[in-house]
């Protein structure tokens, strides 16, 4: 990838984040969505790529449907494939997380559910493949 194209993509990353942090992304339909955590404080939200930047094409990197607005603690779990979401938006948490970890992250009882559109689903399937692979290699605590 040429330097000018790489710079243009990096500049567009900011647009991706603004779309999601402004809570007007495709996942919300213009509605406020807390992203699996009871927060509306922008500093506690992250625009997270579903399919990682490094493994994405230029189009996928800028596709707003390749992103979720998540609370920071859920973004950390999602980014490391310790948590994912089914096509219905239901959360799935890795067996590698101890009960203590689940309690600390607020995942011991009710799990978050996201509003996903059909355009998110291919990206989510890719993420679930990463999640399944990490479950096979992660030590069970």
C-alpha atoms as a PDB file:
ATOM      1  CA  UNK A   1       0.000   0.000   0.000  1.00  0.00           C
ATOM      2  CA  UNK A   2       1.410   3.397  -0.958  1.00  0.00           C
ATOM      3  CA  UNK A   3       2.126   6.061   1.672  1.00  0.00           C
ATOM      4  CA  UNK A   4      -0.592   8.476   0.384  1.00  0.00           C
ATOM      5  CA  UNK A   5      -3.245   5.730   0.488  1.00  0.00           C
ATOM      6  CA  UNK A   6      -2.094   4.637   3.953  1.00  0.00           C
ATOM      7  CA  UNK A   7      -2.340   8.254   5.191  1.00  0.00           C
ATOM      8  CA  UNK A   8      -5.803   8.667   3.665  1.00  0.00           C
ATOM      9  CA  UNK A   9      -6.933   5.481   5.426  1.00  0.00           C
ATOM     10  CA  UNK A  10      -5.490   6.665   8.743  1.00  0.00           C
ATOM     11  CA  UNK A  11      -7.331   9.977   8.341  1.00  0.00           C
ATOM     12  CA  UNK A  12     -10.584   8.103   7.632  1.00  0.00           C
ATOM     13  CA  UNK A  13     -10.060   6.072  10.817  1.00  0.00           C
ATOM     14  CA  UNK A  14     -10.944   9.230  12.697  1.00  0.00           C
ATOM     15  CA  UNK A  15     -14.223   9.413  10.773  1.00  0.00           C
ATOM     16  CA  UNK A  16     -14.933   5.799  11.737  1.00  0.00           C
ATOM     17  CA  UNK A  17     -14.389   6.663  15.403  1.00  0.00           C
ATOM     18  CA  UNK A  18     -16.454   9.857  15.202  1.00  0.00           C
ATOM     19  CA  UNK A  19     -19.334   7.967  13.575  1.00  0.00           C
ATOM     20  CA  UNK A  20     -19.302   5.444  16.412  1.00  0.00           C
ATOM     21  CA  UNK A  21     -18.506   7.810  19.270  1.00  0.00           C
ATOM     22  CA  UNK A  22     -21.238  10.118  18.046  1.00  0.00           C
ATOM     23  CA  UNK A  23     -23.569   7.127  18.533  1.00  0.00           C
ATOM     24  CA  UNK A  24     -24.988   7.570  15.072  1.00  0.00           C
ATOM     25  CA  UNK A  25     -23.392   4.528  13.508  1.00  0.00           C
ATOM     26  CA  UNK A  26     -25.206   1.764  11.646  1.00  0.00           C
ATOM     27  CA  UNK A  27     -25.386  -0.366  14.782  1.00  0.00           C
ATOM     28  CA  UNK A  28     -27.656   2.105  16.542  1.00  0.00           C
ATOM     29  CA  UNK A  29     -29.853   3.512  13.804  1.00  0.00           C
ATOM     30  CA  UNK A  30     -29.293   6.925  15.345  1.00  0.00           C
ATOM     31  CA  UNK A  31     -30.355   5.722  18.794  1.00  0.00           C
ATOM     32  CA  UNK A  32     -28.065   5.805  21.812  1.00  0.00           C
ATOM     33  CA  UNK A  33     -26.521   2.411  22.438  1.00  0.00           C
ATOM     34  CA  UNK A  34     -24.409   1.729  25.492  1.00  0.00           C
ATOM     35  CA  UNK A  35     -22.426  -1.033  23.810  1.00  0.00           C
ATOM     36  CA  UNK A  36     -22.789  -3.656  26.490  1.00  0.00           C
ATOM     37  CA  UNK A  37     -22.119  -1.357  29.411  1.00  0.00           C
ATOM     38  CA  UNK A  38     -24.223   1.182  31.238  1.00  0.00           C
ATOM     39  CA  UNK A  39     -22.197   4.221  30.197  1.00  0.00           C
ATOM     40  CA  UNK A  40     -22.807   7.227  28.026  1.00  0.00           C
ATOM     41  CA  UNK A  41     -19.527   8.918  28.972  1.00  0.00           C
ATOM     42  CA  UNK A  42     -17.633   9.197  25.655  1.00  0.00           C
ATOM     43  CA  UNK A  43     -14.265   8.686  27.352  1.00  0.00           C
ATOM     44  CA  UNK A  44     -15.437   5.216  28.425  1.00  0.00           C
ATOM     45  CA  UNK A  45     -16.468   4.102  24.938  1.00  0.00           C
ATOM     46  CA  UNK A  46     -14.306   2.714  22.141  1.00  0.00           C
ATOM     47  CA  UNK A  47     -14.948   2.364  18.436  1.00  0.00           C
ATOM     48  CA  UNK A  48     -13.673  -1.155  17.909  1.00  0.00           C
ATOM     49  CA  UNK A  49     -13.013  -2.932  14.623  1.00  0.00           C
ATOM     50  CA  UNK A  50     -14.645  -6.353  14.448  1.00  0.00           C
ATOM     51  CA  UNK A  51     -12.200  -7.684  11.866  1.00  0.00           C
ATOM     52  CA  UNK A  52      -8.778  -6.352  12.892  1.00  0.00           C
ATOM     53  CA  UNK A  53      -7.234  -3.487  10.922  1.00  0.00           C
ATOM     54  CA  UNK A  54      -4.144  -5.526  10.058  1.00  0.00           C
ATOM     55  CA  UNK A  55      -6.185  -8.317   8.471  1.00  0.00           C
ATOM     56  CA  UNK A  56      -8.663  -6.086   6.646  1.00  0.00           C
ATOM     57  CA  UNK A  57      -8.761  -4.740   3.108  1.00  0.00           C
ATOM     58  CA  UNK A  58      -8.882  -0.965   2.593  1.00  0.00           C
ATOM     59  CA  UNK A  59     -12.655  -1.180   2.094  1.00  0.00           C
ATOM     60  CA  UNK A  60     -13.123  -3.266   5.259  1.00  0.00           C
ATOM     61  CA  UNK A  61     -10.972  -0.880   7.301  1.00  0.00           C
ATOM     62  CA  UNK A  62     -13.351   1.986   6.557  1.00  0.00           C
ATOM     63  CA  UNK A  63     -16.617   0.072   6.546  1.00  0.00           C
ATOM     64  CA  UNK A  64     -18.669   1.339   9.516  1.00  0.00           C
ATOM     65  CA  UNK A  65     -20.253  -2.120   9.761  1.00  0.00           C
ATOM     66  CA  UNK A  66     -16.804  -3.491  10.638  1.00  0.00           C
ATOM     67  CA  UNK A  67     -17.110  -1.710  13.937  1.00  0.00           C
ATOM     68  CA  UNK A  68     -18.866  -1.712  17.268  1.00  0.00           C
ATOM     69  CA  UNK A  69     -19.161   0.928  19.944  1.00  0.00           C
ATOM     70  CA  UNK A  70     -18.190  -0.824  23.172  1.00  0.00           C
ATOM     71  CA  UNK A  71     -17.475   0.143  26.757  1.00  0.00           C
ATOM     72  CA  UNK A  72     -13.692   0.056  27.309  1.00  0.00           C
ATOM     73  CA  UNK A  73     -13.695  -3.114  29.409  1.00  0.00           C
ATOM     74  CA  UNK A  74     -15.742  -4.988  26.806  1.00  0.00           C
ATOM     75  CA  UNK A  75     -13.558  -3.630  24.004  1.00  0.00           C
ATOM     76  CA  UNK A  76     -10.505  -5.114  25.745  1.00  0.00           C
ATOM     77  CA  UNK A  77     -12.186  -8.531  25.977  1.00  0.00           C
ATOM     78  CA  UNK A  78     -13.534  -8.326  22.407  1.00  0.00           C
ATOM     79  CA  UNK A  79     -10.191  -7.220  20.951  1.00  0.00           C
ATOM     80  CA  UNK A  80      -8.448 -10.222  22.513  1.00  0.00           C
ATOM     81  CA  UNK A  81     -11.219 -12.614  21.377  1.00  0.00           C
ATOM     82  CA  UNK A  82     -12.185 -13.363  24.984  1.00  0.00           C
ATOM     83  CA  UNK A  83     -15.709 -12.220  24.157  1.00  0.00           C
ATOM     84  CA  UNK A  84     -17.761 -12.197  20.984  1.00  0.00           C
ATOM     85  CA  UNK A  85     -21.377 -11.775  19.900  1.00  0.00           C
ATOM     86  CA  UNK A  86     -23.741 -14.106  18.064  1.00  0.00           C
ATOM     87  CA  UNK A  87     -25.791 -13.037  15.053  1.00  0.00           C
ATOM     88  CA  UNK A  88     -28.637 -12.153  17.419  1.00  0.00           C
ATOM     89  CA  UNK A  89     -26.296  -9.844  19.380  1.00  0.00           C
ATOM     90  CA  UNK A  90     -26.039 -12.139  22.419  1.00  0.00           C
ATOM     91  CA  UNK A  91     -22.643 -12.075  24.135  1.00  0.00           C
ATOM     92  CA  UNK A  92     -20.450 -15.166  24.440  1.00  0.00           C
ATOM     93  CA  UNK A  93     -17.610 -15.160  26.949  1.00  0.00           C
ATOM     94  CA  UNK A  94     -14.505 -17.344  26.841  1.00  0.00           C
ATOM     95  CA  UNK A  95     -14.093 -20.173  29.318  1.00  0.00           C
ATOM     96  CA  UNK A  96     -10.605 -18.734  29.874  1.00  0.00           C
ATOM     97  CA  UNK A  97     -12.163 -16.021  32.078  1.00  0.00           C
ATOM     98  CA  UNK A  98     -12.387 -17.035  35.718  1.00  0.00           C
ATOM     99  CA  UNK A  99     -15.498 -16.431  37.778  1.00  0.00           C
ATOM    100  CA  UNK A 100     -13.606 -13.607  39.465  1.00  0.00           C
ATOM    101  CA  UNK A 101     -12.819 -12.013  36.074  1.00  0.00           C
ATOM    102  CA  UNK A 102     -16.457 -12.334  35.064  1.00  0.00           C
ATOM    103  CA  UNK A 103     -17.590 -10.662  38.282  1.00  0.00           C
ATOM    104  CA  UNK A 104     -15.064  -7.820  37.936  1.00  0.00           C
ATOM    105  CA  UNK A 105     -16.196  -7.127  34.363  1.00  0.00           C
ATOM    106  CA  UNK A 106     -19.899  -7.403  35.255  1.00  0.00           C
ATOM    107  CA  UNK A 107     -20.349 -10.612  33.271  1.00  0.00           C
ATOM    108  CA  UNK A 108     -21.215 -13.001  36.097  1.00  0.00           C
ATOM    109  CA  UNK A 109     -24.960 -12.848  35.500  1.00  0.00           C
ATOM    110  CA  UNK A 110     -26.666 -10.945  32.690  1.00  0.00           C
ATOM    111  CA  UNK A 111     -24.528 -10.674  29.565  1.00  0.00           C
ATOM    112  CA  UNK A 112     -24.742  -7.674  27.230  1.00  0.00           C
ATOM    113  CA  UNK A 113     -26.681  -7.823  23.985  1.00  0.00           C
ATOM    114  CA  UNK A 114     -25.953  -5.625  20.972  1.00  0.00           C
ATOM    115  CA  UNK A 115     -28.148  -4.472  18.140  1.00  0.00           C
ATOM    116  CA  UNK A 116     -26.464  -5.845  15.001  1.00  0.00           C
ATOM    117  CA  UNK A 117     -27.524  -5.307  11.412  1.00  0.00           C
ATOM    118  CA  UNK A 118     -27.222  -7.822   8.588  1.00  0.00           C
ATOM    119  CA  UNK A 119     -24.166  -5.889   7.360  1.00  0.00           C
ATOM    120  CA  UNK A 120     -22.309  -6.701  10.625  1.00  0.00           C
ATOM    121  CA  UNK A 121     -22.811 -10.453  10.350  1.00  0.00           C
ATOM    122  CA  UNK A 122     -19.942 -11.431   8.013  1.00  0.00           C
ATOM    123  CA  UNK A 123     -17.531  -9.499  10.212  1.00  0.00           C
ATOM    124  CA  UNK A 124     -18.991 -11.102  13.338  1.00  0.00           C
ATOM    125  CA  UNK A 125     -18.591 -14.584  11.821  1.00  0.00           C
ATOM    126  CA  UNK A 126     -14.921 -13.759  11.253  1.00  0.00           C
ATOM    127  CA  UNK A 127     -14.613 -12.637  14.881  1.00  0.00           C
ATOM    128  CA  UNK A 128     -16.318 -15.795  16.160  1.00  0.00           C
ATOM    129  CA  UNK A 129     -13.740 -17.861  14.252  1.00  0.00           C
ATOM    130  CA  UNK A 130     -10.991 -15.984  16.150  1.00  0.00           C
ATOM    131  CA  UNK A 131     -12.947 -16.514  19.391  1.00  0.00           C
ATOM    132  CA  UNK A 132     -13.253 -20.273  18.742  1.00  0.00           C
ATOM    133  CA  UNK A 133      -9.531 -20.532  17.930  1.00  0.00           C
ATOM    134  CA  UNK A 134      -8.565 -18.642  21.101  1.00  0.00           C
ATOM    135  CA  UNK A 135     -10.754 -20.949  23.201  1.00  0.00           C
ATOM    136  CA  UNK A 136      -8.801 -23.938  21.902  1.00  0.00           C
ATOM    137  CA  UNK A 137      -5.430 -22.438  22.867  1.00  0.00           C
ATOM    138  CA  UNK A 138      -6.335 -20.525  26.044  1.00  0.00           C
ATOM    139  CA  UNK A 139      -5.655 -22.128  29.420  1.00  0.00           C
ATOM    140  CA  UNK A 140      -8.834 -22.754  31.398  1.00  0.00           C
ATOM    141  CA  UNK A 141      -8.668 -20.998  34.744  1.00  0.00           C
END
